Each structure stands twice: as structure tokens, then as C-alpha cells.
Amino acid sequence: MIIGASSGPGFIFIIIIAFLLLYLIVVRPQKKRQTQQQQLISELRVGDEVLTAGGIWGTVSQLEEDVVTVEIAPGTEVRVARRAIAGVTRDPEDEETTELEEPEEPRVDDEDSVDSAAGDTSNQEIRG
């Protein structure tokens, strides 16, 4: 008999719980990221601004089955594997609506704040 060896249903239950946690923490999020990346690649259109896995920003100018032609500068195009597209930036229309929805913070001039601070101290001196 081996000293410290566990037997019975308790040990099997611990192993099952360990595999369940492994699935929930590692496998499931990885599958979700993979399906999001596949959806991003399948929805590419000409004119989309993209970021490649190598860190190159550009605009999609031509789409083929497994190759995307990206214009990185005026007159400069590179061919990139479709799976090397890491992200797609928003359309300019989407960015404008986002900017309009954000509330603007009120501006406070430095002169006004100095005057009000000076006025407060003078009132305190008079009262004092």
C-alpha cells in the first residue's frame, strides 16, 4: 500500500473539478476570441482601415481569398495574409457620432478662478 495515496470518489471528484475549471478559465475564452477573429476577417471590406499583426496600419484596397492588399502610404501597397489582420478601426461616421455623444467639460478661465479666489480671501479678511 502506498502512503498518502487517495482512493475513492473524492479523488475523482477533485480531478473532474480541476478539468472543469481549466475549461472555464482557459479553453472557453480562447474559443470566443478565435470566433471573434474569424468573424472580423470574414467581414473585411475594401476601404476598411486595418492593423496587421506586425503593427502596420493601412487601408484595404483589394481582397482575395487568402490575401489582402493594404495601402500603407499613397502609392505603396503590401500584400498581407488575411489571418495577419489583427484589427479593424472604426469608420469615420462611427467616430463622429461617438464624439458628439461625449459631454464636453466646462472651461474655466484661470483669470476668473484667480479673481474669485482673491474675492473670497478679501471677504474673509473683512469679516475676521
C-alpha atoms as a PDB file:
ATOM      1  CA  MET A   1       0.000   0.000   0.000  1.00  0.00           C
ATOM      2  CA  ILE A   2       1.225   3.492  -0.902  1.00  0.00           C
ATOM      3  CA  ILE A   3       1.258   6.029   1.903  1.00  0.00           C
ATOM      4  CA  GLY A   4      -0.743   9.219   1.157  1.00  0.00           C
ATOM      5  CA  ALA A   5      -2.464   7.832  -1.929  1.00  0.00           C
ATOM      6  CA  SER A   6      -6.084   8.859  -2.180  1.00  0.00           C
ATOM      7  CA  SER A   7      -8.710   6.469  -3.335  1.00  0.00           C
ATOM      8  CA  GLY A   8     -12.403   6.515  -3.858  1.00  0.00           C
ATOM      9  CA  PRO A   9     -14.820   9.005  -5.314  1.00  0.00           C
ATOM     10  CA  GLY A  10     -13.256  12.051  -3.589  1.00  0.00           C
ATOM     11  CA  PHE A  11     -10.117  11.933  -5.709  1.00  0.00           C
ATOM     12  CA  ILE A  12     -12.077  11.519  -8.955  1.00  0.00           C
ATOM     13  CA  PHE A  13     -14.339  14.423  -7.959  1.00  0.00           C
ATOM     14  CA  ILE A  14     -11.277  16.694  -7.477  1.00  0.00           C
ATOM     15  CA  ILE A  15      -9.921  15.725 -10.918  1.00  0.00           C
ATOM     16  CA  ILE A  16     -13.294  16.464 -12.559  1.00  0.00           C
ATOM     17  CA  ILE A  17     -13.475  19.873 -10.828  1.00  0.00           C
ATOM     18  CA  ALA A  18      -9.909  20.668 -11.979  1.00  0.00           C
ATOM     19  CA  PHE A  19     -10.747  19.893 -15.616  1.00  0.00           C
ATOM     20  CA  LEU A  20     -13.949  21.940 -15.372  1.00  0.00           C
ATOM     21  CA  LEU A  21     -12.031  24.950 -14.051  1.00  0.00           C
ATOM     22  CA  LEU A  22      -9.417  24.545 -16.786  1.00  0.00           C
ATOM     23  CA  TYR A  23     -12.177  24.587 -19.397  1.00  0.00           C
ATOM     24  CA  LEU A  24     -13.887  27.661 -17.919  1.00  0.00           C
ATOM     25  CA  ILE A  25     -10.701  29.676 -17.417  1.00  0.00           C
ATOM     26  CA  VAL A  26      -8.629  28.763 -20.484  1.00  0.00           C
ATOM     27  CA  VAL A  27     -10.453  26.922 -23.256  1.00  0.00           C
ATOM     28  CA  ARG A  28     -13.767  28.783 -23.397  1.00  0.00           C
ATOM     29  CA  PRO A  29     -12.317  32.351 -23.567  1.00  0.00           C
ATOM     30  CA  GLN A  30      -9.793  31.232 -26.204  1.00  0.00           C
ATOM     31  CA  LYS A  31     -12.575  29.806 -28.385  1.00  0.00           C
ATOM     32  CA  LYS A  32     -14.529  33.046 -28.018  1.00  0.00           C
ATOM     33  CA  ARG A  33     -11.522  35.132 -29.129  1.00  0.00           C
ATOM     34  CA  GLN A  34     -10.931  32.787 -32.059  1.00  0.00           C
ATOM     35  CA  THR A  35     -14.528  33.077 -33.316  1.00  0.00           C
ATOM     36  CA  GLN A  36     -14.375  36.894 -32.981  1.00  0.00           C
ATOM     37  CA  GLN A  37     -11.155  36.974 -35.049  1.00  0.00           C
ATOM     38  CA  GLN A  38     -12.675  34.742 -37.737  1.00  0.00           C
ATOM     39  CA  GLN A  39     -15.749  36.983 -37.890  1.00  0.00           C
ATOM     40  CA  LEU A  40     -13.543  40.088 -38.189  1.00  0.00           C
ATOM     41  CA  ILE A  41     -11.600  38.549 -41.059  1.00  0.00           C
ATOM     42  CA  SER A  42     -14.714  37.382 -42.891  1.00  0.00           C
ATOM     43  CA  GLU A  43     -16.318  40.854 -42.657  1.00  0.00           C
ATOM     44  CA  LEU A  44     -13.381  42.759 -44.208  1.00  0.00           C
ATOM     45  CA  ARG A  45     -14.340  45.250 -46.933  1.00  0.00           C
ATOM     46  CA  VAL A  46     -12.403  47.413 -49.333  1.00  0.00           C
ATOM     47  CA  GLY A  47     -11.811  50.762 -47.646  1.00  0.00           C
ATOM     48  CA  ASP A  48     -11.567  49.425 -44.075  1.00  0.00           C
ATOM     49  CA  GLU A  49      -8.675  50.736 -42.017  1.00  0.00           C
ATOM     50  CA  VAL A  50      -6.813  47.770 -40.551  1.00  0.00           C
ATOM     51  CA  LEU A  51      -3.958  46.973 -38.201  1.00  0.00           C
ATOM     52  CA  THR A  52      -1.818  43.984 -39.113  1.00  0.00           C
ATOM     53  CA  ALA A  53      -0.227  41.600 -36.637  1.00  0.00           C
ATOM     54  CA  GLY A  54       3.114  43.229 -37.497  1.00  0.00           C
ATOM     55  CA  GLY A  55       1.857  46.645 -36.375  1.00  0.00           C
ATOM     56  CA  ILE A  56       1.295  48.180 -39.817  1.00  0.00           C
ATOM     57  CA  TRP A  57      -1.698  50.495 -40.246  1.00  0.00           C
ATOM     58  CA  GLY A  58      -3.293  50.780 -43.657  1.00  0.00           C
ATOM     59  CA  THR A  59      -6.414  50.772 -45.785  1.00  0.00           C
ATOM     60  CA  VAL A  60      -7.710  47.657 -47.541  1.00  0.00           C
ATOM     61  CA  SER A  61      -7.518  48.231 -51.287  1.00  0.00           C
ATOM     62  CA  GLN A  62      -8.110  44.722 -52.624  1.00  0.00           C
ATOM     63  CA  LEU A  63      -9.450  41.434 -51.226  1.00  0.00           C
ATOM     64  CA  GLU A  64      -8.639  37.953 -52.442  1.00  0.00           C
ATOM     65  CA  GLU A  65      -9.333  34.517 -50.958  1.00  0.00           C
ATOM     66  CA  ASP A  66      -6.399  34.364 -48.517  1.00  0.00           C
ATOM     67  CA  VAL A  67      -4.576  37.625 -49.325  1.00  0.00           C
ATOM     68  CA  VAL A  68      -5.443  41.235 -48.530  1.00  0.00           C
ATOM     69  CA  THR A  69      -3.752  44.135 -50.307  1.00  0.00           C
ATOM     70  CA  VAL A  70      -3.250  47.012 -47.869  1.00  0.00           C
ATOM     71  CA  GLU A  71      -2.273  50.556 -48.863  1.00  0.00           C
ATOM     72  CA  ILE A  72       0.107  51.799 -46.165  1.00  0.00           C
ATOM     73  CA  ALA A  73       1.022  55.092 -47.856  1.00  0.00           C
ATOM     74  CA  PRO A  74      -0.162  56.843 -51.016  1.00  0.00           C
ATOM     75  CA  GLY A  75       1.001  54.611 -53.867  1.00  0.00           C
ATOM     76  CA  THR A  76       2.513  51.979 -51.537  1.00  0.00           C
ATOM     77  CA  GLU A  77       0.664  48.687 -51.211  1.00  0.00           C
ATOM     78  CA  VAL A  78       1.633  45.494 -49.427  1.00  0.00           C
ATOM     79  CA  ARG A  79       0.107  42.045 -49.646  1.00  0.00           C
ATOM     80  CA  VAL A  80      -0.754  40.530 -46.284  1.00  0.00           C
ATOM     81  CA  ALA A  81      -2.215  37.157 -45.351  1.00  0.00           C
ATOM     82  CA  ARG A  82      -5.829  37.531 -44.317  1.00  0.00           C
ATOM     83  CA  ARG A  83      -5.134  35.861 -40.968  1.00  0.00           C
ATOM     84  CA  ALA A  84      -2.478  38.537 -40.234  1.00  0.00           C
ATOM     85  CA  ILE A  85      -5.152  41.227 -39.839  1.00  0.00           C
ATOM     86  CA  ALA A  86      -5.239  41.945 -36.105  1.00  0.00           C
ATOM     87  CA  GLY A  87      -7.944  44.572 -36.016  1.00  0.00           C
ATOM     88  CA  VAL A  88     -10.225  46.894 -37.939  1.00  0.00           C
ATOM     89  CA  THR A  89     -10.617  50.526 -36.924  1.00  0.00           C
ATOM     90  CA  ARG A  90     -13.992  52.249 -36.837  1.00  0.00           C
ATOM     91  CA  ASP A  91     -15.483  54.038 -39.797  1.00  0.00           C
ATOM     92  CA  PRO A  92     -15.194  57.850 -39.649  1.00  0.00           C
ATOM     93  CA  GLU A  93     -19.007  58.136 -39.336  1.00  0.00           C
ATOM     94  CA  ASP A  94     -18.941  55.993 -36.180  1.00  0.00           C
ATOM     95  CA  GLU A  95     -16.197  58.127 -34.629  1.00  0.00           C
ATOM     96  CA  GLU A  96     -18.123  61.356 -35.293  1.00  0.00           C
ATOM     97  CA  THR A  97     -21.244  60.069 -33.565  1.00  0.00           C
ATOM     98  CA  THR A  98     -19.174  58.906 -30.612  1.00  0.00           C
ATOM     99  CA  GLU A  99     -17.530  62.322 -30.305  1.00  0.00           C
ATOM    100  CA  LEU A 100     -20.893  64.082 -30.392  1.00  0.00           C
ATOM    101  CA  GLU A 101     -22.315  61.898 -27.636  1.00  0.00           C
ATOM    102  CA  GLU A 102     -19.492  62.662 -25.202  1.00  0.00           C
ATOM    103  CA  PRO A 103     -20.313  65.636 -22.959  1.00  0.00           C
ATOM    104  CA  GLU A 104     -17.877  68.500 -23.016  1.00  0.00           C
ATOM    105  CA  GLU A 105     -16.360  69.670 -19.769  1.00  0.00           C
ATOM    106  CA  PRO A 106     -16.978  73.341 -18.974  1.00  0.00           C
ATOM    107  CA  ARG A 107     -13.916  75.501 -19.413  1.00  0.00           C
ATOM    108  CA  VAL A 108     -12.778  77.589 -16.500  1.00  0.00           C
ATOM    109  CA  ASP A 109     -10.534  80.513 -17.285  1.00  0.00           C
ATOM    110  CA  ASP A 110      -7.569  80.940 -14.984  1.00  0.00           C
ATOM    111  CA  GLU A 111      -8.295  84.670 -14.549  1.00  0.00           C
ATOM    112  CA  ASP A 112     -11.840  84.006 -13.294  1.00  0.00           C
ATOM    113  CA  SER A 113     -10.651  81.459 -10.766  1.00  0.00           C
ATOM    114  CA  VAL A 114      -7.916  83.825  -9.528  1.00  0.00           C
ATOM    115  CA  ASP A 115     -10.417  86.684  -9.170  1.00  0.00           C
ATOM    116  CA  SER A 116     -12.927  84.557  -7.307  1.00  0.00           C
ATOM    117  CA  ALA A 117     -10.215  83.215  -5.026  1.00  0.00           C
ATOM    118  CA  ALA A 118      -8.972  86.737  -4.321  1.00  0.00           C
ATOM    119  CA  GLY A 119     -12.535  87.884  -3.649  1.00  0.00           C
ATOM    120  CA  ASP A 120     -13.076  85.082  -1.185  1.00  0.00           C
ATOM    121  CA  THR A 121      -9.973  85.923   0.831  1.00  0.00           C
ATOM    122  CA  SER A 122     -10.805  89.619   0.910  1.00  0.00           C
ATOM    123  CA  ASN A 123     -14.290  88.822   2.254  1.00  0.00           C
ATOM    124  CA  GLN A 124     -12.776  86.638   4.927  1.00  0.00           C
ATOM    125  CA  GLU A 125     -10.389  89.391   5.961  1.00  0.00           C
ATOM    126  CA  ILE A 126     -13.218  91.899   6.275  1.00  0.00           C
ATOM    127  CA  ARG A 127     -15.317  89.549   8.360  1.00  0.00           C
ATOM    128  CA  GLY A 128     -12.419  88.499  10.524  1.00  0.00           C
END
